Amino acid sequence: MRLQQRQARETGICPVRRELFTQCFDEIIRQVTVNCAERGLLLLRVRDEIRMTTDAYQALYDCSIAFGMRKALQAEQGKSDMQESIERLTSRNADLEKNVSELRAKAEQIERRAAELRVAEEKKHSEEIMFLKKTNQQLKAQLEGIIAPKK
């Protein structure tokens, strides 16, 4: 009834429930000690062990909460750092892609110039070959003209 009046929690570590149970257990220890001192001392030891165990669980709980908070803060900090890194890398990626497109455009321009030069060289070369063939034919004709009248 007192648990309900003082609105004690039913589960977990509750200071109200702990206080009421401690009072009940102390009263039981007092009554048992009146009848048998050895049993009373044994119950005192049990009560002390329970308190130490509960205190240990409370300390463990507090440490785990603090650890969880530290990890949450670290995760939040890591998240913002990661977002900054992502933005920086995205910007760098865009710059590199722009650089790649510029270099490709330059490479295409160089290839076009090289192709134009090659076509011009081939045309020049073919004209020179045609000139040399024509010259060769003229020289052959002159040579035949020189050699033929002597016969």
Protein backbone atom coordinates (compact mmCIF):
# COMPACT_ATOMS: atom_id res chain seq x y z
CA MET A 1 0.00 0.00 0.00
CA ARG A 2 2.83 2.41 0.82
CA LEU A 3 4.49 1.57 -2.51
CA GLN A 4 1.35 2.76 -4.30
CA GLN A 5 0.95 5.83 -2.09
CA ARG A 6 4.51 6.98 -2.72
CA GLN A 7 4.27 6.01 -6.44
CA ALA A 8 7.23 3.66 -6.46
CA ARG A 9 8.33 2.25 -9.82
CA GLU A 10 7.70 -1.44 -10.33
CA THR A 11 10.93 -2.16 -12.21
CA GLY A 12 14.47 -0.83 -12.27
CA ILE A 13 16.27 1.02 -9.50
CA CYS A 14 13.76 3.03 -7.50
CA PRO A 15 14.85 4.95 -4.39
CA VAL A 16 11.32 4.97 -2.92
CA ARG A 17 10.93 1.21 -3.21
CA ARG A 18 14.46 0.73 -1.89
CA GLU A 19 13.72 2.87 1.19
CA LEU A 20 10.47 1.03 1.97
CA PHE A 21 12.03 -2.40 1.51
CA THR A 22 14.96 -1.35 3.71
CA GLN A 23 12.59 -0.32 6.48
CA CYS A 24 10.69 -3.63 6.22
CA PHE A 25 13.89 -5.67 6.20
CA ASP A 26 15.28 -3.73 9.18
CA GLU A 27 12.07 -4.46 11.10
CA ILE A 28 12.30 -8.16 10.21
CA ILE A 29 15.95 -8.20 11.34
CA ARG A 30 14.97 -6.51 14.63
CA GLN A 31 12.20 -9.03 15.30
CA VAL A 32 14.37 -12.05 14.37
CA THR A 33 17.29 -10.74 16.47
CA VAL A 34 15.02 -10.61 19.53
CA ASN A 35 14.28 -14.33 19.12
CA CYS A 36 17.72 -15.51 17.91
CA ALA A 37 20.82 -13.30 17.82
CA GLU A 38 22.71 -15.55 15.37
CA ARG A 39 19.90 -15.41 12.82
CA GLY A 40 19.71 -11.65 13.29
CA LEU A 41 23.45 -11.30 12.59
CA LEU A 42 23.08 -13.51 9.51
CA LEU A 43 20.24 -11.33 8.22
CA LEU A 44 22.37 -8.22 8.86
CA ARG A 45 25.09 -9.70 6.70
CA VAL A 46 22.53 -10.52 4.00
CA ARG A 47 21.22 -6.93 4.16
CA ASP A 48 24.75 -5.52 3.85
CA GLU A 49 25.51 -7.80 0.88
CA ILE A 50 22.30 -6.70 -0.82
CA ARG A 51 23.21 -3.02 -0.28
CA MET A 52 26.71 -3.54 -1.69
CA THR A 53 25.30 -5.41 -4.70
CA THR A 54 22.69 -2.73 -5.33
CA ASP A 55 25.30 0.02 -4.98
CA ALA A 56 27.54 -1.82 -7.42
CA TYR A 57 24.68 -2.08 -9.92
CA GLN A 58 23.93 1.63 -9.43
CA ALA A 59 27.56 2.54 -10.08
CA LEU A 60 27.63 0.30 -13.14
CA TYR A 61 24.43 1.89 -14.42
CA ASP A 62 25.81 5.40 -13.91
CA CYS A 63 29.04 4.50 -15.70
CA SER A 64 27.16 2.96 -18.62
CA ILE A 65 24.99 6.06 -18.97
CA ALA A 66 28.08 8.29 -18.97
CA PHE A 67 29.77 6.00 -21.50
CA GLY A 68 26.69 6.09 -23.73
CA MET A 69 26.61 9.88 -23.60
CA ARG A 70 30.31 10.14 -24.47
CA LYS A 71 29.83 7.78 -27.40
CA ALA A 72 26.79 9.72 -28.60
CA LEU A 73 28.75 12.98 -28.47
CA GLN A 74 31.68 11.39 -30.28
CA ALA A 75 29.33 10.04 -32.93
CA GLU A 76 27.76 13.47 -33.39
CA GLN A 77 31.19 15.09 -33.68
CA GLY A 78 32.29 12.36 -36.08
CA LYS A 79 29.15 12.93 -38.14
CA SER A 80 29.85 16.64 -38.58
CA ASP A 81 33.51 15.89 -39.40
CA MET A 82 32.39 13.29 -41.92
CA GLN A 83 29.96 15.75 -43.53
CA GLU A 84 32.73 18.34 -43.86
CA SER A 85 34.98 15.71 -45.38
CA ILE A 86 32.24 14.68 -47.81
CA GLU A 87 31.69 18.29 -48.89
CA ARG A 88 35.42 18.84 -49.32
CA LEU A 89 35.83 15.64 -51.33
CA THR A 90 32.77 16.41 -53.45
CA SER A 91 34.20 19.82 -54.28
CA ARG A 92 37.58 18.27 -55.10
CA ASN A 93 35.86 15.66 -57.26
CA ALA A 94 34.01 18.39 -59.19
CA ASP A 95 37.30 20.27 -59.71
CA LEU A 96 39.01 17.12 -60.93
CA GLU A 97 36.14 16.29 -63.30
CA LYS A 98 36.34 19.84 -64.70
CA ASN A 99 40.09 19.39 -65.14
CA VAL A 100 39.52 16.05 -66.89
CA SER A 101 37.02 17.60 -69.32
CA GLU A 102 39.44 20.47 -70.07
CA LEU A 103 42.27 18.02 -70.68
CA ARG A 104 40.06 15.88 -72.94
CA ALA A 105 39.11 18.98 -74.94
CA LYS A 106 42.81 19.87 -75.31
CA ALA A 107 43.63 16.29 -76.31
CA GLU A 108 40.88 16.33 -78.97
CA GLN A 109 42.13 19.67 -80.25
CA ILE A 110 45.70 18.35 -80.44
CA GLU A 111 44.47 15.22 -82.24
CA ARG A 112 42.55 17.37 -84.77
CA ARG A 113 45.63 19.52 -85.37
CA ALA A 114 47.75 16.41 -85.76
CA ALA A 115 45.22 14.95 -88.21
CA GLU A 116 45.16 18.21 -90.20
CA LEU A 117 48.97 18.29 -90.27
CA ARG A 118 49.05 14.64 -91.33
CA VAL A 119 46.56 15.33 -94.13
CA ALA A 120 48.58 18.37 -95.22
CA GLU A 121 51.82 16.36 -95.13
CA GLU A 122 50.23 13.51 -97.09
CA LYS A 123 48.90 15.99 -99.67
CA LYS A 124 52.32 17.65 -99.90
CA HIS A 125 53.96 14.25 -100.14
CA SER A 126 51.57 13.07 -102.87
CA GLU A 127 52.08 16.33 -104.81
CA GLU A 128 55.83 15.86 -104.53
CA ILE A 129 55.51 12.27 -105.73
CA MET A 130 53.36 13.44 -108.66
CA PHE A 131 55.93 16.15 -109.47
CA LEU A 132 58.77 13.64 -109.27
CA LYS A 133 56.89 11.15 -111.47
CA LYS A 134 56.14 13.85 -114.01
CA THR A 135 59.77 14.98 -113.90
CA ASN A 136 60.84 11.37 -114.23
CA GLN A 137 58.62 10.89 -117.28
CA GLN A 138 59.90 14.09 -118.85
CA LEU A 139 63.48 13.01 -118.24
CA LYS A 140 62.74 9.57 -119.71
CA ALA A 141 61.16 11.23 -122.72
CA GLN A 142 64.17 13.51 -123.14
CA LEU A 143 66.49 10.55 -122.66
CA GLU A 144 64.59 8.58 -125.28
CA GLY A 145 64.67 11.61 -127.54
CA ILE A 146 68.44 11.82 -127.14
CA ILE A 147 69.06 8.11 -127.48
CA ALA A 148 66.51 7.46 -130.29
CA PRO A 149 67.91 9.89 -132.92
CA LYS A 150 71.40 8.38 -132.61
CA LYS A 151 70.14 5.02 -133.73
